[in-house]
Amino acid sequence: MEAGKDNIATFVEVIRRDSLAGAARRLGVPKSTVSRRLSRLEEQLGAKLVHRDARRVSATPEGMRFYDSVVDAIDVLDMAVATVGESVTEPRGTIRVTTPSDLGRMVLVPQIVRFLQRYPDISIDLILTNRFVDLVQERVDLALRAGAVTEPNLIARKLMPSDLQLAAHPENDIDCDDVTGLEAYPFVLYRKRGQTQVLRLERGAGNGQESVELTVSGRVNVDDYSAMVELVAAGQGIGLMPALHVAEGEKQERLVRIFPGWTLPSMPIQLVYSTRQLPERVRLLIEILAGTLRV
């Protein structure tokens, strides 16, 4: 029955956002309506589904089990409704997308240009930042991130790997016979307090895999890989940076890769979103990015 579906869909939004107010904003209904639907659902099921206090709402164990059993069905149903509604017209509206600045410049922006040319009625609100963006709280449709996604309420779709590789100034005097000798050279460090950092590198695979642990030091610490590229290219030290940056630096003859067999294990570049209930315009962007940037 329709009322039952509304109650379940409301419950799903409340759990996703840990908030009655957040669910009300997402659904476009008063907070009192959200509260009433939750109470009706608990009455229908004969079970307490949520704990409520002044600050947040959280699922009970019974509520979490119920959420896990219905969330996919709700997403599929809502996506079907949205797809039918949007299929009668050209896709339109705004997509809010976030990514770190370097990934935006090197990976995302060229694809967005092609996407905008293909879909003239869609706009992009692009947030380039190295800070963590809460997709739900900041109402962001899609994120492009490097590394593992640990938030359990987010959906991640892997696009491509990106090993961390060693790079230096093209006119360096580094002895490339022994990787442990790198401890004698200055490094540009990434997100490390203090002037030393431990790097764990690997080469090979399977039974033939080797690993080495280096304690390196440097006078400069950065939280942005593009800044690391500039410093390494200026001769301020060796950098351990994503393969994308190394390849671009080598193409421009500003960097040279050293000890190419040794890398830090791959960190995936992924598309991340908070729900399978996606507007058609967001789904189209995801499919284009997945098709052009996939492994």
Protein backbone atom coordinates (compact mmCIF):
# COMPACT_ATOMS: atom_id res chain seq x y z
CA MET A 1 0.00 0.00 0.00
CA GLU A 2 1.19 3.55 -0.77
CA ALA A 3 1.16 4.73 2.83
CA GLY A 4 3.35 1.79 3.79
CA LYS A 5 5.83 2.62 1.04
CA ASP A 6 5.98 6.25 2.18
CA ASN A 7 6.63 5.18 5.75
CA ILE A 8 9.43 2.81 4.73
CA ALA A 9 11.03 5.35 2.38
CA THR A 10 10.93 7.95 5.16
CA PHE A 11 12.55 5.53 7.59
CA VAL A 12 15.35 4.86 5.05
CA GLU A 13 16.07 8.60 4.69
CA VAL A 14 16.12 9.09 8.46
CA ILE A 15 18.72 6.34 8.93
CA ARG A 16 20.84 7.65 6.06
CA ARG A 17 20.98 11.10 7.58
CA ASP A 18 20.79 10.26 11.31
CA SER A 19 18.32 13.10 11.50
CA LEU A 20 14.58 13.76 11.29
CA ALA A 21 15.23 17.27 10.02
CA GLY A 22 17.65 16.07 7.36
CA ALA A 23 15.16 13.48 6.12
CA ALA A 24 12.40 16.11 6.09
CA ARG A 25 14.54 18.44 3.93
CA ARG A 26 15.39 15.60 1.53
CA LEU A 27 11.78 14.48 1.20
CA GLY A 28 10.30 17.99 1.12
CA VAL A 29 7.88 17.40 4.00
CA PRO A 30 7.54 18.86 7.52
CA LYS A 31 9.54 17.28 10.32
CA SER A 32 6.28 16.38 12.03
CA THR A 33 5.30 14.28 9.00
CA VAL A 34 8.57 12.37 9.20
CA SER A 35 8.01 11.69 12.91
CA ARG A 36 4.43 10.56 12.29
CA ARG A 37 5.46 8.19 9.49
CA LEU A 38 8.13 6.64 11.70
CA SER A 39 5.63 6.06 14.49
CA ARG A 40 3.15 4.48 12.08
CA LEU A 41 5.81 2.13 10.68
CA GLU A 42 6.84 1.05 14.17
CA GLU A 43 3.19 0.38 14.97
CA GLN A 44 2.71 -1.63 11.76
CA LEU A 45 5.80 -3.76 12.44
CA GLY A 46 5.35 -4.02 16.20
CA ALA A 47 9.01 -3.11 16.79
CA LYS A 48 11.03 -0.10 17.88
CA LEU A 49 13.17 0.91 14.89
CA VAL A 50 14.97 4.06 16.07
CA HIS A 51 16.38 5.72 19.15
CA ARG A 52 15.63 9.44 19.30
CA ASP A 53 17.32 12.10 21.37
CA ALA A 54 17.78 15.86 21.15
CA ARG A 55 20.76 15.67 18.78
CA ARG A 56 20.37 12.68 16.50
CA VAL A 57 18.43 9.59 15.53
CA SER A 58 20.01 6.14 15.34
CA ALA A 59 18.74 2.72 14.35
CA THR A 60 18.02 0.03 16.92
CA PRO A 61 19.37 -3.45 16.09
CA GLU A 62 15.91 -4.35 14.74
CA GLY A 63 15.85 -1.10 12.80
CA MET A 64 19.24 -1.76 11.23
CA ARG A 65 18.19 -5.22 10.12
CA PHE A 66 15.01 -3.81 8.61
CA TYR A 67 16.98 -1.02 6.89
CA ASP A 68 19.37 -3.53 5.32
CA SER A 69 16.44 -5.58 4.02
CA VAL A 70 14.54 -2.69 2.36
CA VAL A 71 17.06 -0.04 1.27
CA ASP A 72 17.90 -1.62 -2.09
CA ALA A 73 14.25 -2.10 -2.97
CA ILE A 74 13.43 1.52 -2.12
CA ASP A 75 16.34 2.76 -4.22
CA VAL A 76 15.33 0.63 -7.21
CA LEU A 77 11.72 1.81 -7.03
CA ASP A 78 12.64 5.48 -6.72
CA MET A 79 15.17 5.23 -9.52
CA ALA A 80 12.54 3.69 -11.80
CA VAL A 81 10.11 6.51 -11.04
CA ALA A 82 12.81 9.15 -11.63
CA THR A 83 13.91 7.53 -14.89
CA VAL A 84 10.37 7.49 -16.29
CA GLY A 85 9.84 11.10 -15.26
CA GLU A 86 13.03 12.33 -16.89
CA SER A 87 12.86 10.17 -20.00
CA VAL A 88 10.16 12.33 -21.59
CA THR A 89 12.44 15.39 -21.72
CA GLU A 90 16.09 16.17 -22.20
CA PRO A 91 18.09 15.75 -18.95
CA ARG A 92 18.36 19.06 -17.14
CA GLY A 93 19.28 20.55 -13.78
CA THR A 94 22.45 20.98 -11.72
CA ILE A 95 24.90 18.32 -10.55
CA ARG A 96 27.03 19.10 -7.50
CA VAL A 97 30.39 17.37 -7.79
CA THR A 98 33.42 17.48 -5.51
CA THR A 99 37.00 16.26 -5.86
CA PRO A 100 40.50 17.24 -4.72
CA SER A 101 41.98 20.04 -6.82
CA ASP A 102 44.58 17.91 -8.59
CA LEU A 103 42.13 15.15 -9.52
CA GLY A 104 39.73 17.79 -10.77
CA ARG A 105 42.30 19.42 -13.02
CA MET A 106 43.90 16.24 -14.34
CA VAL A 107 40.99 13.80 -14.50
CA LEU A 108 37.55 15.30 -13.99
CA VAL A 109 37.47 18.67 -15.77
CA PRO A 110 38.28 17.30 -19.28
CA GLN A 111 35.42 14.82 -18.94
CA ILE A 112 33.03 17.48 -17.63
CA VAL A 113 33.75 19.64 -20.69
CA ARG A 114 32.68 16.78 -22.96
CA PHE A 115 29.64 16.07 -20.78
CA LEU A 116 28.45 19.70 -20.92
CA GLN A 117 28.83 19.75 -24.69
CA ARG A 118 26.68 16.64 -24.94
CA TYR A 119 23.98 17.77 -22.50
CA PRO A 120 23.38 21.54 -22.91
CA ASP A 121 20.58 21.71 -20.32
CA ILE A 122 22.70 20.34 -17.46
CA SER A 123 24.83 22.57 -15.22
CA ILE A 124 27.77 21.55 -13.03
CA ASP A 125 28.56 22.96 -9.59
CA LEU A 126 32.18 21.82 -9.14
CA ILE A 127 33.74 21.96 -5.66
CA LEU A 128 37.52 21.58 -5.81
CA THR A 129 38.87 21.10 -2.30
CA ASN A 130 41.26 18.89 -0.36
CA ARG A 131 39.03 18.91 2.73
CA PHE A 132 36.64 16.07 3.51
CA VAL A 133 33.19 16.82 2.10
CA ASP A 134 30.14 15.23 3.73
CA LEU A 135 28.05 14.37 0.68
CA VAL A 136 24.78 14.12 2.60
CA GLN A 137 25.11 17.20 4.80
CA GLU A 138 26.42 19.40 1.96
CA ARG A 139 23.97 18.02 -0.60
CA VAL A 140 26.63 16.88 -3.04
CA ASP A 141 25.57 14.40 -5.71
CA LEU A 142 28.90 12.87 -6.61
CA ALA A 143 32.53 12.79 -5.47
CA LEU A 144 35.72 11.66 -7.20
CA ARG A 145 38.14 10.42 -4.54
CA ALA A 146 41.47 8.65 -4.34
CA GLY A 147 41.85 5.93 -1.74
CA ALA A 148 39.55 3.69 0.24
CA VAL A 149 36.02 4.77 1.13
CA THR A 150 35.36 3.91 4.77
CA GLU A 151 31.95 5.51 5.34
CA PRO A 152 29.46 2.59 5.44
CA ASN A 153 26.55 4.66 4.11
CA LEU A 154 28.33 5.59 0.84
CA ILE A 155 28.46 3.73 -2.46
CA ALA A 156 31.84 3.54 -4.24
CA ARG A 157 32.49 2.60 -7.86
CA LYS A 158 36.13 1.95 -8.72
CA LEU A 159 37.41 3.65 -11.87
CA MET A 160 41.16 3.19 -12.06
CA PRO A 161 44.22 2.42 -9.90
CA SER A 162 46.87 4.98 -9.07
CA ASP A 163 50.15 3.71 -7.66
CA LEU A 164 52.38 6.05 -5.69
CA GLN A 165 55.70 6.33 -7.50
CA LEU A 166 59.09 7.88 -6.73
CA ALA A 167 60.09 10.94 -8.76
CA ALA A 168 62.93 13.45 -8.74
CA HIS A 169 64.30 16.42 -10.66
CA PRO A 170 65.60 15.32 -14.09
CA GLU A 171 69.16 16.46 -13.23
CA ASN A 172 69.38 14.60 -9.93
CA ASP A 173 72.54 12.78 -8.81
CA ILE A 174 70.75 9.80 -7.20
CA ASP A 175 72.48 6.42 -7.18
CA CYS A 176 69.83 4.06 -8.56
CA ASP A 177 71.62 0.82 -7.64
CA ASP A 178 70.11 0.44 -4.16
CA VAL A 179 66.71 1.76 -3.09
CA THR A 180 67.78 1.91 0.57
CA GLY A 181 70.31 4.56 -0.42
CA LEU A 182 67.39 6.99 -0.78
CA GLU A 183 67.50 7.52 2.99
CA ALA A 184 70.54 9.74 2.38
CA TYR A 185 68.60 12.16 0.14
CA PRO A 186 66.09 14.87 1.10
CA PHE A 187 62.39 14.24 0.45
CA VAL A 188 59.35 16.43 0.03
CA LEU A 189 57.05 14.83 2.63
CA TYR A 190 53.29 14.40 2.34
CA ARG A 191 51.00 15.09 5.29
CA LYS A 192 53.59 14.29 7.94
CA ARG A 193 54.23 16.23 11.11
CA GLY A 194 57.92 16.58 11.79
CA GLN A 195 60.86 16.10 9.46
CA THR A 196 60.90 12.30 9.07
CA GLN A 197 58.55 9.79 7.48
CA VAL A 198 58.51 6.01 7.06
CA LEU A 199 57.82 4.79 3.52
CA ARG A 200 56.92 1.14 2.89
CA LEU A 201 57.54 0.25 -0.74
CA GLU A 202 56.89 -2.96 -2.68
CA ARG A 203 57.90 -4.50 -5.98
CA GLY A 204 56.93 -7.68 -7.77
CA ALA A 205 53.91 -9.84 -7.04
CA GLY A 206 52.99 -13.18 -5.56
CA ASN A 207 55.78 -15.31 -4.12
CA GLY A 208 58.38 -13.04 -5.70
CA GLN A 209 57.14 -9.86 -4.01
CA GLU A 210 59.71 -7.81 -2.09
CA SER A 211 59.19 -4.98 0.37
CA VAL A 212 61.42 -2.36 1.92
CA GLU A 213 60.91 0.19 4.68
CA LEU A 214 62.68 3.54 4.37
CA THR A 215 62.99 6.27 6.97
CA VAL A 216 63.34 9.47 5.00
CA SER A 217 63.56 13.11 6.00
CA GLY A 218 62.98 16.52 4.49
CA ARG A 219 62.56 20.19 5.22
CA VAL A 220 59.24 20.56 3.39
CA ASN A 221 55.87 18.96 4.20
CA VAL A 222 52.82 19.45 1.95
CA ASP A 223 49.17 18.37 1.91
CA ASP A 224 48.74 18.72 -1.85
CA TYR A 225 50.39 16.61 -4.55
CA SER A 226 50.42 19.43 -7.08
CA ALA A 227 52.54 21.43 -4.63
CA MET A 228 54.81 18.40 -4.23
CA VAL A 229 55.33 18.28 -8.00
CA GLU A 230 56.38 21.93 -8.05
CA LEU A 231 58.84 21.45 -5.19
CA VAL A 232 60.36 18.27 -6.61
CA ALA A 233 60.64 19.87 -10.05
CA ALA A 234 62.48 22.76 -8.38
CA GLY A 235 65.04 20.35 -6.93
CA GLN A 236 63.86 20.50 -3.32
CA GLY A 237 63.81 16.74 -2.82
CA ILE A 238 62.43 13.39 -3.92
CA GLY A 239 58.66 12.89 -3.96
CA LEU A 240 56.41 9.84 -3.59
CA MET A 241 53.36 10.85 -5.61
CA PRO A 242 50.48 9.42 -7.68
CA ALA A 243 51.34 7.93 -11.06
CA LEU A 244 49.19 10.58 -12.78
CA HIS A 245 51.44 13.35 -11.50
CA VAL A 246 54.61 11.49 -12.37
CA ALA A 247 53.42 10.82 -15.92
CA GLU A 248 52.43 14.45 -16.44
CA GLY A 249 55.76 15.66 -15.02
CA GLU A 250 57.74 13.33 -17.28
CA LYS A 251 55.75 14.46 -20.33
CA GLN A 252 56.65 18.07 -19.50
CA GLU A 253 60.27 17.00 -18.81
CA ARG A 254 60.03 18.43 -15.28
CA LEU A 255 60.25 15.11 -13.43
CA VAL A 256 61.89 11.74 -13.90
CA ARG A 257 60.71 8.53 -12.32
CA ILE A 258 63.31 6.73 -10.20
CA PHE A 259 63.36 3.11 -9.02
CA PRO A 260 60.36 2.32 -11.28
CA GLY A 261 59.91 -1.15 -9.84
CA TRP A 262 59.22 0.16 -6.34
CA THR A 263 55.78 1.58 -5.53
CA LEU A 264 53.37 2.08 -2.67
CA PRO A 265 50.38 -0.27 -3.08
CA SER A 266 47.72 1.10 -5.39
CA MET A 267 45.04 3.44 -4.11
CA PRO A 268 41.92 3.32 -6.30
CA ILE A 269 40.33 6.39 -7.83
CA GLN A 270 36.60 6.01 -7.20
CA LEU A 271 33.26 7.64 -7.83
CA VAL A 272 31.36 8.01 -4.57
CA TYR A 273 27.70 8.81 -3.97
CA SER A 274 25.28 8.50 -1.08
CA THR A 275 22.32 6.71 -2.64
CA ARG A 276 21.31 4.53 -5.56
CA GLN A 277 18.30 6.82 -5.95
CA LEU A 278 19.98 9.04 -8.54
CA PRO A 279 18.47 11.60 -10.90
CA GLU A 280 18.96 10.76 -14.57
CA ARG A 281 21.48 13.59 -15.02
CA VAL A 282 23.72 12.19 -12.27
CA ARG A 283 23.43 8.65 -13.60
CA LEU A 284 24.47 9.87 -17.07
CA LEU A 285 27.58 11.57 -15.67
CA ILE A 286 28.52 8.46 -13.69
CA GLU A 287 28.18 6.24 -16.76
CA ILE A 288 30.30 8.56 -18.89
CA LEU A 289 33.04 8.78 -16.25
CA ALA A 290 32.97 5.03 -15.66
CA GLY A 291 33.19 4.40 -19.38
CA THR A 292 36.14 6.71 -20.04
CA LEU A 293 38.14 6.33 -16.80
CA ARG A 294 37.63 2.67 -16.02
CA VAL A 295 40.53 0.26 -15.44
